[in-house]
């Protein structure tokens, strides 16, 4: 029998629950601190005896790119994470997130002026970085501590032992990403200071420049080629593109800039920002799989299955709304808006998703309970992109939500 609200017994039980929870958290924190101290002791001993190793091994292959991983043992993974943080903090303060870069690019493209766009990326970026040049750049950093420098050298040594080459860093290892970013720091600064460059941004090896006009295009292109050659890098000709805008900033018919999952077009003085076809199709596919998963449960309005109905609503809210990643140090937000914040509020991709959802609701109205119908009507990709609602999902709930998409792939 449930305890009455406000009763002494209920209040006592609540106090006991809070006390138990506090004790569990304290025990957890103590155990974590003890584990970290033990791991650090093992790490320091291995480093002093020159026996430390990342246990670097090949991991999955992504297309033609081989990835790598290091051991997840605490005495290896934790020092690697700390070294990555040190390298990250040595980067310039102006480093931006993917969304920050896209929003800044959108602002640069939104002005009505004649300009040229140059987009490129680097062939086998991680696999082309020379160890000697990278280490030289690291040694020139006055704030780099000896432990981090030693860990970087050890990682490169292990990679060289695996590949037989002193060129390239292991893609897939967190520390490598920060090393690669730092390797291009001087290049980034030079590009931003180049005469005729109005805007420059780089995300990993994907670069975009907005230039004053096409007259400086060849000069900038040659300078980039020369500087990349000095770094031992080459641009990927298959992913190099240029656009020359008219005096009011419009692009030639059929031309579009695709960058970091977005598609930018300009006509009649208006910049339109949408998603690339692949990115839009992925979200549409997820919507279709969520709807199909509900249909596969044989829904019946007369005998509603509230478990399946609830999961459908959770999946739709996850797709159209936003959530914060639990246990995220930076309180990272993901979702329709926070993963696509540069998208136009009235973008066709949003109205297309709403059209599919509305058609499904009409086609299967007889199979839906009154409560499900009401909740379905409250979900709109256009509306929720504008309102930016947040939903709280546990890690377990997220795993159940995305199960339909994993099974559909």
Protein backbone atom coordinates (compact mmCIF):
# COMPACT_ATOMS: atom_id res chain seq x y z
CA UNK A 1 0.00 0.00 0.00
CA UNK A 2 1.49 3.37 -1.03
CA UNK A 3 2.38 5.80 1.74
CA UNK A 4 0.17 8.87 2.00
CA UNK A 5 1.64 12.10 0.67
CA UNK A 6 3.14 14.10 3.55
CA UNK A 7 2.78 11.31 6.08
CA UNK A 8 5.59 10.83 8.69
CA UNK A 9 6.35 7.39 7.26
CA UNK A 10 6.70 8.79 3.72
CA UNK A 11 8.93 11.67 4.90
CA UNK A 12 11.11 9.25 6.86
CA UNK A 13 11.44 6.99 3.81
CA UNK A 14 12.38 9.99 1.69
CA UNK A 15 15.03 11.07 4.19
CA UNK A 16 16.45 7.54 4.21
CA UNK A 17 16.53 7.47 0.42
CA UNK A 18 18.44 10.77 0.29
CA UNK A 19 20.88 9.57 2.92
CA UNK A 20 21.49 6.30 1.06
CA UNK A 21 21.96 8.13 -2.22
CA UNK A 22 24.47 10.52 -0.67
CA UNK A 23 26.41 7.61 0.81
CA UNK A 24 26.46 5.77 -2.53
CA UNK A 25 27.78 8.87 -4.30
CA UNK A 26 30.48 9.34 -1.69
CA UNK A 27 31.50 5.69 -2.02
CA UNK A 28 31.57 6.04 -5.80
CA UNK A 29 33.74 9.16 -5.64
CA UNK A 30 36.10 7.51 -3.17
CA UNK A 31 36.42 4.38 -5.30
CA UNK A 32 37.05 6.48 -8.42
CA UNK A 33 39.72 8.56 -6.69
CA UNK A 34 41.45 5.43 -5.40
CA UNK A 35 41.35 3.85 -8.87
CA UNK A 36 42.82 7.00 -10.45
CA UNK A 37 45.58 7.24 -7.86
CA UNK A 38 46.49 3.59 -8.39
CA UNK A 39 46.45 4.04 -12.18
CA UNK A 40 48.65 7.14 -11.97
CA UNK A 41 51.09 5.25 -9.77
CA UNK A 42 51.30 2.43 -12.32
CA UNK A 43 51.72 4.97 -15.13
CA UNK A 44 54.53 6.85 -13.38
CA UNK A 45 56.33 3.59 -12.61
CA UNK A 46 56.05 2.44 -16.25
CA UNK A 47 57.24 5.82 -17.51
CA UNK A 48 60.26 5.87 -15.19
CA UNK A 49 61.26 2.35 -16.18
CA UNK A 50 60.78 3.18 -19.88
CA UNK A 51 58.23 0.37 -20.19
CA UNK A 52 55.10 2.45 -20.84
CA UNK A 53 53.15 1.51 -23.97
CA UNK A 54 49.82 2.61 -25.42
CA UNK A 55 49.20 -0.94 -26.71
CA UNK A 56 48.36 0.65 -30.08
CA UNK A 57 46.64 -1.76 -32.48
CA UNK A 58 44.67 -1.47 -35.76
CA UNK A 59 40.91 -1.07 -35.29
CA UNK A 60 38.05 -0.88 -37.80
CA UNK A 61 38.55 0.27 -41.37
CA UNK A 62 36.43 3.21 -42.55
CA UNK A 63 36.36 2.96 -46.32
CA UNK A 64 40.01 3.05 -47.35
CA UNK A 65 41.11 4.57 -44.02
CA UNK A 66 42.59 2.37 -41.32
CA UNK A 67 41.79 3.46 -37.78
CA UNK A 68 43.61 2.55 -34.59
CA UNK A 69 42.90 2.28 -30.88
CA UNK A 70 44.85 2.26 -27.65
CA UNK A 71 44.25 0.19 -24.54
CA UNK A 72 41.27 1.18 -22.39
CA UNK A 73 43.16 0.29 -19.19
CA UNK A 74 42.95 3.22 -16.80
CA UNK A 75 46.72 3.58 -16.42
CA UNK A 76 46.96 4.06 -20.21
CA UNK A 77 43.68 5.72 -21.21
CA UNK A 78 43.76 8.37 -18.48
CA UNK A 79 47.30 9.67 -19.22
CA UNK A 80 46.42 9.68 -22.94
CA UNK A 81 43.35 11.77 -22.21
CA UNK A 82 45.36 14.18 -20.08
CA UNK A 83 47.98 14.55 -22.82
CA UNK A 84 45.23 15.24 -25.35
CA UNK A 85 43.86 17.96 -23.05
CA UNK A 86 47.31 19.58 -22.80
CA UNK A 87 47.72 19.60 -26.60
CA UNK A 88 44.18 20.92 -27.01
CA UNK A 89 44.88 23.81 -24.64
CA UNK A 90 47.94 24.75 -26.69
CA UNK A 91 45.70 25.43 -29.68
CA UNK A 92 44.75 29.02 -30.46
CA UNK A 93 41.78 30.49 -28.63
CA UNK A 94 39.99 31.11 -31.94
CA UNK A 95 39.50 27.39 -32.63
CA UNK A 96 35.81 26.82 -33.31
CA UNK A 97 33.32 24.01 -33.17
CA UNK A 98 31.71 22.63 -36.30
CA UNK A 99 28.50 24.59 -35.67
CA UNK A 100 30.45 27.75 -34.87
CA UNK A 101 32.36 27.50 -38.14
CA UNK A 102 29.19 26.99 -40.18
CA UNK A 103 27.40 29.92 -38.54
CA UNK A 104 30.39 32.20 -39.21
CA UNK A 105 30.54 30.99 -42.81
CA UNK A 106 26.82 31.63 -43.23
CA UNK A 107 27.31 35.21 -42.06
CA UNK A 108 30.20 35.71 -44.50
CA UNK A 109 28.15 34.35 -47.40
CA UNK A 110 25.06 36.32 -46.48
CA UNK A 111 26.47 39.68 -47.56
CA UNK A 112 25.65 41.04 -51.00
CA UNK A 113 29.06 41.44 -52.60
CA UNK A 114 31.09 39.97 -55.41
CA UNK A 115 33.30 37.20 -54.08
CA UNK A 116 34.84 33.84 -54.89
CA UNK A 117 34.69 30.64 -52.84
CA UNK A 118 37.45 28.06 -52.65
CA UNK A 119 36.76 24.77 -50.87
CA UNK A 120 39.33 21.97 -50.47
CA UNK A 121 40.52 19.20 -48.22
CA UNK A 122 43.77 17.29 -47.72
CA UNK A 123 44.54 13.87 -49.15
CA UNK A 124 45.19 11.34 -46.37
CA UNK A 125 45.69 14.08 -43.79
CA UNK A 126 46.47 11.89 -40.76
CA UNK A 127 48.53 9.51 -42.87
CA UNK A 128 50.74 12.28 -44.34
CA UNK A 129 52.03 14.14 -41.28
CA UNK A 130 55.83 13.64 -40.96
CA UNK A 131 56.91 12.69 -37.43
CA UNK A 132 60.07 14.83 -37.51
CA UNK A 133 58.20 17.99 -38.50
CA UNK A 134 55.47 17.37 -35.93
CA UNK A 135 57.97 16.81 -33.12
CA UNK A 136 59.89 19.93 -34.13
CA UNK A 137 56.74 22.00 -33.85
CA UNK A 138 55.97 20.49 -30.46
CA UNK A 139 59.45 21.22 -29.11
CA UNK A 140 59.05 24.87 -30.08
CA UNK A 141 56.10 25.20 -27.69
CA UNK A 142 57.39 26.65 -24.42
CA UNK A 143 54.35 25.52 -22.43
CA UNK A 144 54.63 21.85 -23.41
CA UNK A 145 55.58 19.69 -20.40
CA UNK A 146 58.05 16.82 -20.66
CA UNK A 147 55.52 14.10 -19.78
CA UNK A 148 53.21 15.09 -22.64
CA UNK A 149 56.16 15.35 -25.03
CA UNK A 150 57.28 11.86 -23.98
CA UNK A 151 53.80 10.42 -24.52
CA UNK A 152 53.56 11.93 -27.99
CA UNK A 153 56.96 10.49 -28.94
CA UNK A 154 55.92 7.08 -27.60
CA UNK A 155 52.69 7.13 -29.62
CA UNK A 156 54.58 7.99 -32.81
CA UNK A 157 57.16 5.26 -32.09
CA UNK A 158 54.43 2.64 -31.70
CA UNK A 159 52.74 3.80 -34.88
CA UNK A 160 56.02 3.65 -36.79
CA UNK A 161 56.60 0.11 -35.49
CA UNK A 162 53.19 -0.93 -36.81
CA UNK A 163 53.44 0.77 -40.22
CA UNK A 164 57.17 0.78 -40.88
CA UNK A 165 57.04 4.50 -41.62
CA UNK A 166 57.87 7.73 -39.82
CA UNK A 167 55.05 9.48 -41.65
CA UNK A 168 51.47 9.54 -40.40
CA UNK A 169 49.68 9.49 -37.05
CA UNK A 170 47.07 6.95 -35.89
CA UNK A 171 43.59 8.09 -36.87
CA UNK A 172 40.95 7.16 -34.31
CA UNK A 173 43.11 7.98 -31.28
CA UNK A 174 41.96 11.12 -29.47
CA UNK A 175 45.47 12.44 -28.97
CA UNK A 176 46.10 12.26 -32.74
CA UNK A 177 43.23 14.62 -33.52
CA UNK A 178 44.72 17.34 -31.35
CA UNK A 179 48.20 16.76 -32.78
CA UNK A 180 46.87 17.08 -36.34
CA UNK A 181 45.06 20.29 -35.46
CA UNK A 182 48.15 21.75 -33.86
CA UNK A 183 50.27 20.79 -36.87
CA UNK A 184 48.24 23.15 -39.08
CA UNK A 185 48.11 26.04 -36.60
CA UNK A 186 50.72 28.17 -38.40
CA UNK A 187 49.12 27.37 -41.75
CA UNK A 188 45.73 28.55 -40.44
CA UNK A 189 47.17 31.85 -39.25
CA UNK A 190 48.89 32.43 -42.57
CA UNK A 191 45.71 31.78 -44.56
CA UNK A 192 43.72 34.21 -42.44
CA UNK A 193 46.35 36.91 -42.98
CA UNK A 194 46.64 36.37 -46.74
CA UNK A 195 45.65 39.47 -48.78
CA UNK A 196 42.31 38.95 -50.51
CA UNK A 197 41.04 36.34 -48.00
CA UNK A 198 37.81 37.60 -46.41
CA UNK A 199 37.03 34.40 -44.50
CA UNK A 200 38.93 31.20 -43.75
CA UNK A 201 37.91 28.16 -41.73
CA UNK A 202 39.17 24.62 -41.31
CA UNK A 203 37.50 21.64 -39.66
CA UNK A 204 40.06 18.81 -39.39
CA UNK A 205 41.23 18.75 -43.04
CA UNK A 206 38.17 20.35 -44.66
CA UNK A 207 38.81 24.00 -45.57
CA UNK A 208 36.79 26.83 -47.07
CA UNK A 209 37.88 30.33 -48.06
CA UNK A 210 35.82 33.33 -49.15
CA UNK A 211 37.93 35.63 -51.33
CA UNK A 212 37.49 39.22 -52.50
CA UNK A 213 36.97 38.14 -56.10
CA UNK A 214 38.17 35.65 -58.68
CA UNK A 215 41.26 37.75 -59.49
CA UNK A 216 42.96 36.57 -56.27
CA UNK A 217 41.83 32.95 -56.65
CA UNK A 218 44.93 31.76 -58.50
CA UNK A 219 47.26 33.56 -56.11
CA UNK A 220 45.62 32.04 -53.04
CA UNK A 221 45.42 28.61 -54.64
CA UNK A 222 49.15 28.67 -55.46
CA UNK A 223 50.03 29.85 -51.96
CA UNK A 224 48.02 27.01 -50.42
CA UNK A 225 49.73 24.46 -52.68
CA UNK A 226 53.17 25.80 -51.72
CA UNK A 227 52.47 25.84 -47.97
CA UNK A 228 50.93 22.37 -47.97
CA UNK A 229 53.95 21.05 -49.84
CA UNK A 230 56.24 22.46 -47.13
CA UNK A 231 54.15 20.53 -44.59
CA UNK A 232 54.38 17.30 -46.58
CA UNK A 233 50.67 17.49 -47.45
CA UNK A 234 48.66 17.55 -50.68
CA UNK A 235 45.17 18.76 -51.45
CA UNK A 236 42.55 16.28 -52.62
CA UNK A 237 41.77 17.32 -56.21
CA UNK A 238 38.54 15.29 -56.22
CA UNK A 239 37.21 17.41 -53.34
CA UNK A 240 38.34 20.81 -54.55
CA UNK A 241 35.72 23.25 -55.79
CA UNK A 242 35.40 26.94 -56.69
CA UNK A 243 32.43 29.25 -57.10
CA UNK A 244 32.51 32.80 -58.46
CA UNK A 245 29.60 34.96 -57.29
CA UNK A 246 28.01 37.84 -59.18
CA UNK A 247 28.21 41.47 -58.03
CA UNK A 248 25.28 40.96 -55.62
CA UNK A 249 26.66 37.67 -54.32
CA UNK A 250 24.52 35.24 -56.33
CA UNK A 251 25.96 31.93 -57.51
CA UNK A 252 25.72 30.62 -61.08
CA UNK A 253 22.63 28.49 -61.76
CA UNK A 254 23.11 25.00 -60.38
CA UNK A 255 26.09 25.98 -58.23
CA UNK A 256 26.16 25.32 -54.50
CA UNK A 257 28.75 25.19 -51.73
CA UNK A 258 28.56 22.02 -49.66
CA UNK A 259 30.49 22.20 -46.41
CA UNK A 260 30.26 20.21 -43.15
CA UNK A 261 26.87 18.74 -44.03
CA UNK A 262 25.28 22.00 -45.21
CA UNK A 263 24.41 23.21 -48.69
CA UNK A 264 24.60 26.95 -49.44
CA UNK A 265 22.96 28.52 -52.50
CA UNK A 266 22.36 32.16 -53.45
CA UNK A 267 19.77 33.54 -55.86
CA UNK A 268 18.17 36.98 -56.17
CA UNK A 269 20.37 38.27 -53.36
CA UNK A 270 19.14 35.68 -50.86
CA UNK A 271 21.30 33.01 -49.21
CA UNK A 272 19.56 29.67 -48.62
CA UNK A 273 21.04 27.17 -46.16
CA UNK A 274 19.87 23.58 -46.32
CA UNK A 275 21.32 20.16 -45.56
CA UNK A 276 23.27 18.05 -47.98
CA UNK A 277 21.26 15.27 -49.60
CA UNK A 278 23.06 12.54 -47.63
CA UNK A 279 22.50 14.23 -44.30
CA UNK A 280 18.82 14.85 -45.03
CA UNK A 281 18.31 11.28 -46.19
CA UNK A 282 19.81 9.93 -42.96
CA UNK A 283 17.30 11.84 -40.86
CA UNK A 284 14.42 10.89 -43.15
CA UNK A 285 15.49 7.24 -42.95
CA UNK A 286 15.45 7.38 -39.17
CA UNK A 287 11.94 8.83 -39.19
CA UNK A 288 10.73 6.09 -41.51
CA UNK A 289 12.34 3.37 -39.37
CA UNK A 290 10.74 4.77 -36.21
CA UNK A 291 7.31 4.74 -37.86
CA UNK A 292 7.83 1.26 -39.32
CA UNK A 293 8.92 -0.11 -35.95
CA UNK A 294 5.58 1.01 -34.50
CA UNK A 295 3.67 -0.59 -37.39
CA UNK A 296 5.55 -3.86 -36.84
CA UNK A 297 4.04 -4.00 -33.33
CA UNK A 298 0.55 -4.55 -34.91
CA UNK A 299 -1.06 -1.45 -33.35
CA UNK A 300 -4.78 -1.52 -32.53
CA UNK A 301 -6.68 1.57 -31.34
CA UNK A 302 -9.15 -0.65 -29.46
CA UNK A 303 -6.32 -2.39 -27.59
CA UNK A 304 -3.50 0.16 -27.45
CA UNK A 305 -0.04 -1.05 -26.52
CA UNK A 306 1.19 1.85 -24.46
CA UNK A 307 4.76 0.54 -24.43
CA UNK A 308 5.06 0.65 -28.22
CA UNK A 309 3.10 3.91 -28.40
CA UNK A 310 5.38 5.50 -25.84
CA UNK A 311 8.49 4.33 -27.65
CA UNK A 312 7.20 5.85 -30.91
CA UNK A 313 6.70 9.22 -29.20
CA UNK A 314 10.15 8.99 -27.59
CA UNK A 315 11.72 8.34 -30.98
CA UNK A 316 9.87 11.22 -32.60
CA UNK A 317 10.80 13.59 -29.79
CA UNK A 318 14.42 12.44 -30.01
CA UNK A 319 14.42 13.19 -33.76
CA UNK A 320 12.57 16.52 -33.63
CA UNK A 321 13.70 17.81 -30.23
CA UNK A 322 16.95 18.11 -28.34
CA UNK A 323 18.63 16.45 -25.38
CA UNK A 324 21.81 16.82 -23.35
CA UNK A 325 24.35 14.04 -23.23
CA UNK A 326 24.44 12.65 -19.71
CA UNK A 327 27.85 12.49 -18.03
CA UNK A 328 29.14 15.04 -20.54
CA UNK A 329 31.75 17.29 -18.95
CA UNK A 330 30.80 20.19 -21.23
CA UNK A 331 27.04 19.55 -20.97
CA UNK A 332 26.88 18.90 -24.72
CA UNK A 333 23.47 19.35 -26.37
CA UNK A 334 22.43 17.35 -29.43
CA UNK A 335 19.25 17.17 -31.48
CA UNK A 336 17.46 18.67 -34.44
CA UNK A 337 18.38 22.28 -33.66
CA UNK A 338 21.66 21.90 -31.80
CA UNK A 339 23.09 19.56 -34.42
CA UNK A 340 21.83 21.71 -37.33
CA UNK A 341 21.69 25.23 -35.89
CA UNK A 342 22.73 26.96 -39.15
CA UNK A 343 19.78 25.48 -41.06
CA UNK A 344 17.14 27.95 -42.30
CA UNK A 345 14.03 27.92 -40.10
CA UNK A 346 11.79 27.22 -43.11
CA UNK A 347 14.15 24.78 -44.83
CA UNK A 348 12.55 22.23 -47.15
CA UNK A 349 14.11 19.39 -45.17
CA UNK A 350 11.98 20.32 -42.13
CA UNK A 351 8.74 20.65 -44.08
CA UNK A 352 9.45 17.33 -45.84
CA UNK A 353 9.78 15.57 -42.48
CA UNK A 354 6.54 17.14 -41.26
CA UNK A 355 4.77 16.06 -44.45
CA UNK A 356 5.85 12.43 -43.96
CA UNK A 357 4.75 12.50 -40.31
CA UNK A 358 1.35 14.04 -41.13
CA UNK A 359 0.70 11.61 -43.98
CA UNK A 360 1.53 8.68 -41.70
CA UNK A 361 -0.83 9.97 -39.02
CA UNK A 362 -3.66 10.26 -41.54
CA UNK A 363 -3.00 6.86 -43.10
CA UNK A 364 -2.96 5.07 -39.75
CA UNK A 365 -5.46 7.13 -37.76
CA UNK A 366 -7.66 4.07 -37.21
CA UNK A 367 -4.81 2.23 -35.52
CA UNK A 368 -3.96 5.01 -33.08
CA UNK A 369 -5.44 5.62 -29.66
CA UNK A 370 -6.79 9.07 -28.85
CA UNK A 371 -3.83 9.76 -26.59
CA UNK A 372 -1.29 8.77 -29.24
CA UNK A 373 -3.03 10.90 -31.87
CA UNK A 374 -2.91 13.92 -29.58
CA UNK A 375 0.81 13.46 -28.86
CA UNK A 376 1.57 12.92 -32.55
CA UNK A 377 -0.16 16.18 -33.49
CA UNK A 378 2.03 18.04 -31.00
CA UNK A 379 5.21 17.00 -32.82
CA UNK A 380 6.42 19.21 -35.67
CA UNK A 381 9.93 19.39 -37.07
CA UNK A 382 9.40 22.99 -38.22
CA UNK A 383 7.87 24.07 -34.92
CA UNK A 384 10.34 22.22 -32.69
CA UNK A 385 13.33 23.52 -34.67
CA UNK A 386 12.10 27.04 -33.88
CA UNK A 387 11.14 26.34 -30.24
CA UNK A 388 14.23 24.21 -29.38
CA UNK A 389 12.51 21.98 -26.77
CA UNK A 390 14.63 19.73 -24.55
CA UNK A 391 13.69 16.21 -23.50
CA UNK A 392 15.42 14.23 -20.79
CA UNK A 393 16.54 10.77 -21.91
CA UNK A 394 18.51 8.32 -19.79
CA UNK A 395 21.35 6.47 -21.47
CA UNK A 396 19.25 3.31 -21.35
CA UNK A 397 16.32 5.09 -23.00
CA UNK A 398 18.56 6.46 -25.76
CA UNK A 399 19.84 2.95 -26.46
CA UNK A 400 16.26 1.73 -26.86
CA UNK A 401 15.35 4.73 -29.01
CA UNK A 402 18.18 4.20 -31.51
CA UNK A 403 17.67 0.44 -31.61
CA UNK A 404 15.19 0.81 -34.47
CA UNK A 405 17.81 2.63 -36.56
CA UNK A 406 20.58 0.15 -35.82
CA UNK A 407 18.34 -2.77 -36.76
CA UNK A 408 17.29 -0.97 -39.96
CA UNK A 409 20.85 -0.51 -41.23
